[in-house]
Amino acid sequence: MKTSHSNHLLTRNATGSVLARCACRVGHVLLLCLLTIGVSAAESHPVTFIRTPGGGIHPQAAVDSHGVVHLIYFKGDPKKGDIFYVRQELGHETFSTPLQVNSEPGSVEIVGTMRGPQLAVGKKGRVHVVWNGRKPILYARLNDAGTAFEPERTLKTFRSSSDGDTVAADKDGNVYVAWHALTPGATNEIGRAVYVTRSTDEGKTFQPEAPATSKPTGACGCCGLRAFADSAGAVYILFRAATENVNRNETLLVSPRPGSDFEIAYSHPWKATSCPMSSASLTEGKTGVFAAWEFARDRLR
């Protein structure tokens, strides 16, 4: 089936109510990069385009509460490359000297359009990064001095096909890492689920992973997954579900406070017979949390 992609933007406030919704034809790469950098910055300042340092690809950026831009990017062979981290202080025009995130050189994989490292900025500006590598679901955090990344760890405790690694962190030291994977005994996307593991001590230790929701949503095997923690401590996970092989609804899970259960807050329908390999993005602006994803204009009848 041939489909054309559009972007869908949904804004939600802290209570979960829908504030606005719109669709546009802006290319999804541009839109999602702007959302990753931060809606609050885009609201009041003109957009400036800059190149990733050193010709890096798969950039991911976040802006902290002090206006510091944190950026990670990939360099090297798609099957055996490296992740680098830089920062740009408010009012500066140049980035810091790059720090390599992965301690084992050439251990990062980005094969596939939706794979790539992701970052989150947590308590006191500590940076947390997740990625795919020789072991699934690898995680590393910036050390206390902010001078290097601690050696990476794998957070996945059981063997199954997984993808879509993502990370979120809040100002109180909670860190969340999520991914979608086959549940025990499952063989296809209908049997996949979103898993979450949480740290309450800035990533020093993590709880065993558990399904984000008990509802059988499935998960689109090659689509992107995105997690985000807002300034009030609520956690959001945006992913593409997969039920009955054709229902690939973009689904928003929300946990209103640290440690509370996730609930399905919104589901946008999309019928497709195969994985559309779509992306997702979450960020916070002055009026609430913004979620962006792609959908098809040509629906399966």
Protein backbone atom coordinates (compact mmCIF):
# COMPACT_ATOMS: atom_id res chain seq x y z
CA MET A 1 0.00 0.00 0.00
CA LYS A 2 1.37 3.41 -0.94
CA THR A 3 0.75 6.09 1.66
CA SER A 4 1.66 9.72 2.02
CA HIS A 5 2.84 10.92 5.43
CA SER A 6 1.65 14.02 7.23
CA ASN A 7 2.48 15.25 10.71
CA HIS A 8 0.02 15.40 13.57
CA LEU A 9 0.50 17.65 16.57
CA LEU A 10 -1.39 17.28 19.82
CA THR A 11 -0.90 19.48 22.87
CA ARG A 12 -1.90 18.43 26.35
CA ASN A 13 -1.72 20.28 29.63
CA ALA A 14 -0.78 18.81 33.00
CA THR A 15 -4.33 17.55 33.57
CA GLY A 16 -4.32 15.66 30.28
CA SER A 17 -6.95 17.75 28.50
CA VAL A 18 -6.53 18.36 24.77
CA LEU A 19 -5.57 21.96 24.04
CA ALA A 20 -5.09 22.01 20.28
CA ARG A 21 -4.66 19.75 17.31
CA CYS A 22 -3.39 20.45 13.83
CA ALA A 23 -2.05 18.75 10.72
CA CYS A 24 0.53 20.15 8.31
CA ARG A 25 2.65 19.20 5.35
CA VAL A 26 5.97 20.27 6.81
CA GLY A 27 8.61 17.60 6.32
CA HIS A 28 8.73 15.40 9.41
CA VAL A 29 12.50 15.62 9.83
CA LEU A 30 12.40 19.41 10.19
CA LEU A 31 9.36 19.45 12.46
CA LEU A 32 10.61 16.78 14.82
CA CYS A 33 14.07 18.35 15.09
CA LEU A 34 12.47 21.64 16.12
CA LEU A 35 10.28 19.89 18.67
CA THR A 36 13.24 18.03 20.11
CA ILE A 37 15.12 21.27 20.64
CA GLY A 38 12.11 22.72 22.44
CA VAL A 39 8.86 24.45 21.62
CA SER A 40 9.36 27.13 24.26
CA ALA A 41 12.50 28.33 22.49
CA ALA A 42 10.84 28.28 19.08
CA GLU A 43 7.91 30.35 20.35
CA SER A 44 9.96 33.47 21.05
CA HIS A 45 13.09 33.27 18.88
CA PRO A 46 13.78 32.81 15.16
CA VAL A 47 14.97 29.36 14.10
CA THR A 48 18.70 29.09 13.35
CA PHE A 49 20.06 26.14 11.40
CA ILE A 50 23.48 24.78 12.40
CA ARG A 51 25.44 21.72 11.36
CA THR A 52 26.09 18.84 13.70
CA PRO A 53 29.71 19.00 14.93
CA GLY A 54 32.16 16.88 12.96
CA GLY A 55 29.58 15.88 10.37
CA GLY A 56 27.71 13.67 12.83
CA ILE A 57 24.32 12.14 11.97
CA HIS A 58 21.21 11.15 13.97
CA PRO A 59 21.40 14.25 16.20
CA GLN A 60 19.23 14.43 19.31
CA ALA A 61 19.00 17.66 21.30
CA ALA A 62 17.45 18.91 24.53
CA VAL A 63 17.41 22.30 26.23
CA ASP A 64 17.56 22.43 30.03
CA SER A 65 15.95 24.95 32.38
CA HIS A 66 19.03 27.20 32.19
CA GLY A 67 18.93 27.42 28.38
CA VAL A 68 21.87 25.07 27.85
CA VAL A 69 21.62 23.00 24.65
CA HIS A 70 22.65 19.35 25.09
CA LEU A 71 23.35 17.42 21.88
CA ILE A 72 24.33 13.86 21.04
CA TYR A 73 25.14 12.51 17.58
CA PHE A 74 26.50 9.42 15.83
CA LYS A 75 29.65 8.96 13.78
CA GLY A 76 31.10 5.95 11.97
CA ASP A 77 29.84 2.77 10.35
CA PRO A 78 26.07 2.31 10.95
CA LYS A 79 26.78 -1.15 12.40
CA LYS A 80 29.78 -0.19 14.54
CA GLY A 81 30.01 3.50 15.31
CA ASP A 82 30.21 5.86 18.27
CA ILE A 83 28.07 8.45 20.08
CA PHE A 84 29.41 11.87 21.01
CA TYR A 85 28.02 14.51 23.36
CA VAL A 86 28.46 18.29 23.27
CA ARG A 87 26.80 21.24 25.00
CA GLN A 88 26.29 24.89 24.16
CA GLU A 89 25.89 27.39 27.00
CA LEU A 90 23.25 30.11 26.76
CA GLY A 91 24.64 33.07 24.81
CA HIS A 92 27.49 31.07 23.26
CA GLU A 93 27.78 30.25 19.56
CA THR A 94 30.06 27.22 19.76
CA PHE A 95 29.73 23.75 21.24
CA SER A 96 31.98 22.24 23.90
CA THR A 97 34.71 19.68 23.16
CA PRO A 98 32.99 16.37 22.27
CA LEU A 99 32.82 13.59 24.85
CA GLN A 100 32.44 10.00 23.65
CA VAL A 101 29.40 8.42 25.29
CA ASN A 102 30.05 4.71 24.66
CA SER A 103 33.12 3.40 26.48
CA GLU A 104 33.68 0.54 24.01
CA PRO A 105 34.68 2.09 20.64
CA GLY A 106 32.62 1.03 17.64
CA SER A 107 29.89 -0.60 19.72
CA VAL A 108 26.86 1.46 18.61
CA GLU A 109 24.39 0.40 15.89
CA ILE A 110 21.92 2.67 14.08
CA VAL A 111 20.84 0.39 11.21
CA GLY A 112 17.24 1.28 10.30
CA THR A 113 15.65 4.69 9.90
CA MET A 114 14.15 4.80 13.40
CA ARG A 115 17.14 3.60 15.41
CA GLY A 116 19.57 6.01 16.96
CA PRO A 117 20.73 7.17 20.38
CA GLN A 118 18.38 9.23 22.55
CA LEU A 119 19.09 11.52 25.49
CA ALA A 120 17.33 13.16 28.41
CA VAL A 121 18.48 15.85 30.82
CA GLY A 122 17.62 15.23 34.46
CA LYS A 123 18.44 16.50 37.94
CA LYS A 124 21.06 19.27 38.03
CA GLY A 125 21.62 18.93 34.29
CA ARG A 126 22.85 15.33 34.33
CA VAL A 127 22.63 13.78 30.86
CA HIS A 128 21.28 10.26 30.32
CA VAL A 129 21.71 8.37 27.01
CA VAL A 130 20.33 5.07 25.65
CA TRP A 131 21.13 3.24 22.42
CA ASN A 132 21.27 -0.08 20.59
CA GLY A 133 24.54 -1.92 20.39
CA ARG A 134 26.06 -5.40 20.62
CA LYS A 135 23.88 -5.77 23.70
CA PRO A 136 20.31 -4.39 23.59
CA ILE A 137 19.16 -1.38 25.59
CA LEU A 138 22.46 0.17 26.62
CA TYR A 139 22.46 3.09 29.04
CA ALA A 140 25.11 5.55 30.20
CA ARG A 141 25.00 8.73 32.27
CA LEU A 142 27.27 11.73 32.66
CA ASN A 143 29.47 11.48 35.75
CA ASP A 144 29.11 13.77 38.79
CA ALA A 145 31.85 16.10 37.57
CA GLY A 146 30.34 16.37 34.09
CA THR A 147 33.68 15.45 32.50
CA ALA A 148 32.97 11.97 31.07
CA PHE A 149 30.30 9.31 30.74
CA GLU A 150 30.24 6.36 33.08
CA PRO A 151 30.62 2.90 31.46
CA GLU A 152 27.43 1.75 29.76
CA ARG A 153 25.13 -0.91 31.20
CA THR A 154 22.45 -3.10 29.69
CA LEU A 155 19.04 -2.68 31.37
CA LYS A 156 17.17 -5.51 29.70
CA THR A 157 16.93 -8.61 31.88
CA PHE A 158 15.16 -11.11 29.61
CA ARG A 159 15.84 -12.28 26.08
CA SER A 160 13.38 -11.20 23.39
CA SER A 161 13.33 -9.16 20.20
CA SER A 162 13.31 -5.48 21.22
CA ASP A 163 13.64 -2.04 19.67
CA GLY A 164 12.72 1.62 20.15
CA ASP A 165 14.96 2.48 23.11
CA THR A 166 14.07 5.81 24.71
CA VAL A 167 14.85 7.67 27.94
CA ALA A 168 13.21 10.35 30.10
CA ALA A 169 14.41 12.08 33.27
CA ASP A 170 12.94 14.60 35.70
CA LYS A 171 14.33 17.25 38.04
CA ASP A 172 13.93 15.03 41.12
CA GLY A 173 16.29 12.25 40.00
CA ASN A 174 13.80 9.84 38.44
CA VAL A 175 15.02 8.26 35.18
CA TYR A 176 12.85 6.12 32.91
CA VAL A 177 14.08 3.87 30.09
CA ALA A 178 11.49 2.31 27.78
CA TRP A 179 11.42 0.05 24.73
CA HIS A 180 9.02 -2.29 22.95
CA ALA A 181 9.64 -6.03 22.87
CA LEU A 182 7.97 -9.38 22.33
CA THR A 183 6.19 -10.65 25.41
CA PRO A 184 7.03 -14.22 26.52
CA GLY A 185 5.71 -16.68 23.94
CA ALA A 186 4.76 -14.00 21.38
CA THR A 187 5.91 -14.29 17.77
CA ASN A 188 4.61 -11.14 16.08
CA GLU A 189 3.78 -7.45 16.59
CA ILE A 190 0.40 -8.20 18.15
CA GLY A 191 2.26 -9.79 21.05
CA ARG A 192 4.72 -6.94 21.56
CA ALA A 193 4.46 -4.59 24.53
CA VAL A 194 6.07 -1.41 25.81
CA TYR A 195 8.40 -2.08 28.74
CA VAL A 196 9.63 0.48 31.27
CA THR A 197 12.35 0.42 33.90
CA ARG A 198 12.70 3.23 36.45
CA SER A 199 15.53 4.63 38.54
CA THR A 200 14.89 6.80 41.59
CA ASP A 201 18.56 7.68 42.15
CA GLU A 202 19.59 9.46 38.92
CA GLY A 203 20.41 6.25 37.08
CA LYS A 204 22.66 4.59 39.67
CA THR A 205 20.28 1.63 39.91
CA PHE A 206 17.17 0.56 37.97
CA GLN A 207 14.14 -1.53 38.85
CA PRO A 208 13.44 -4.65 36.72
CA GLU A 209 11.53 -3.78 33.56
CA ALA A 210 7.75 -4.26 33.49
CA PRO A 211 5.00 -3.71 30.88
CA ALA A 212 3.89 -0.08 30.85
CA THR A 213 0.25 -1.16 30.58
CA SER A 214 -1.60 -4.44 31.01
CA LYS A 215 -3.82 -3.69 28.04
CA PRO A 216 -2.96 -5.69 24.89
CA THR A 217 -1.93 -2.85 22.57
CA GLY A 218 0.80 -4.62 20.62
CA ALA A 219 3.60 -2.45 19.24
CA CYS A 220 4.71 -1.71 15.69
CA GLY A 221 8.05 -3.49 15.42
CA CYS A 222 10.14 -0.90 13.58
CA CYS A 223 8.47 2.36 14.63
CA GLY A 224 10.03 4.92 16.91
CA LEU A 225 9.20 5.21 20.59
CA ARG A 226 9.54 8.35 22.69
CA ALA A 227 9.44 8.99 26.44
CA PHE A 228 9.36 12.36 28.19
CA ALA A 229 9.10 13.66 31.77
CA ASP A 230 7.56 17.10 32.22
CA SER A 231 8.36 19.78 34.80
CA ALA A 232 5.60 18.53 37.13
CA GLY A 233 6.94 14.95 37.20
CA ALA A 234 4.41 13.36 34.83
CA VAL A 235 5.84 10.81 32.38
CA TYR A 236 4.65 10.33 28.79
CA ILE A 237 5.34 7.50 26.35
CA LEU A 238 4.34 7.87 22.69
CA PHE A 239 4.39 4.76 20.48
CA ARG A 240 2.62 3.07 17.59
CA ALA A 241 0.43 0.15 18.66
CA ALA A 242 -0.30 -2.94 16.54
CA THR A 243 -3.51 -4.91 17.00
CA GLU A 244 -5.18 -7.31 14.56
CA ASN A 245 -2.28 -6.68 12.13
CA VAL A 246 -3.92 -3.52 10.76
CA ASN A 247 -4.66 -1.19 13.71
CA ARG A 248 -1.46 0.83 14.14
CA ASN A 249 -2.79 3.63 16.30
CA GLU A 250 -0.34 6.20 17.63
CA THR A 251 -0.83 5.80 21.37
CA LEU A 252 0.00 8.13 24.25
CA LEU A 253 0.59 6.64 27.71
CA VAL A 254 0.69 8.96 30.73
CA SER A 255 1.82 8.38 34.31
CA PRO A 256 0.71 11.52 36.22
CA ARG A 257 3.33 11.23 38.98
CA PRO A 258 6.49 9.20 39.70
CA GLY A 259 5.64 5.58 40.46
CA SER A 260 1.99 5.78 39.34
CA ASP A 261 0.54 3.49 36.67
CA PHE A 262 0.51 4.43 33.01
CA GLU A 263 -2.85 4.95 31.37
CA ILE A 264 -3.82 5.35 27.71
CA ALA A 265 -4.55 9.07 27.37
CA TYR A 266 -4.99 9.29 23.61
CA SER A 267 -5.04 7.03 20.54
CA HIS A 268 -4.94 8.29 16.96
CA PRO A 269 -6.10 5.64 14.43
CA TRP A 270 -4.07 4.48 11.45
CA LYS A 271 -4.88 1.32 9.53
CA ALA A 272 -1.95 -0.24 7.67
CA THR A 273 -1.05 -3.79 6.73
CA SER A 274 2.66 -3.28 7.43
CA CYS A 275 4.86 -1.24 9.73
CA PRO A 276 5.09 2.37 8.44
CA MET A 277 8.43 2.95 10.23
CA SER A 278 7.18 6.22 11.69
CA SER A 279 8.73 8.49 14.29
CA ALA A 280 7.43 10.27 17.39
CA SER A 281 8.43 13.27 19.47
CA LEU A 282 7.54 14.83 22.82
CA THR A 283 8.51 18.13 24.40
CA GLU A 284 7.19 20.76 26.81
CA GLY A 285 6.23 24.34 26.03
CA LYS A 286 4.70 27.20 27.98
CA THR A 287 1.17 25.84 27.60
CA GLY A 288 1.80 22.14 28.20
CA VAL A 289 3.32 19.02 26.68
CA PHE A 290 3.45 18.67 22.89
CA ALA A 291 3.35 15.34 21.04
CA ALA A 292 4.11 14.95 17.32
CA TRP A 293 3.87 11.95 15.03
CA GLU A 294 3.17 10.97 11.43
CA PHE A 295 -0.01 9.61 9.89
CA ALA A 296 -1.25 8.59 6.44
CA ARG A 297 -3.58 10.63 4.26
CA ASP A 298 -4.44 7.51 2.26
CA ARG A 299 -6.19 5.17 4.69
CA LEU A 300 -6.60 1.45 4.18
CA ARG A 301 -10.23 0.80 3.33
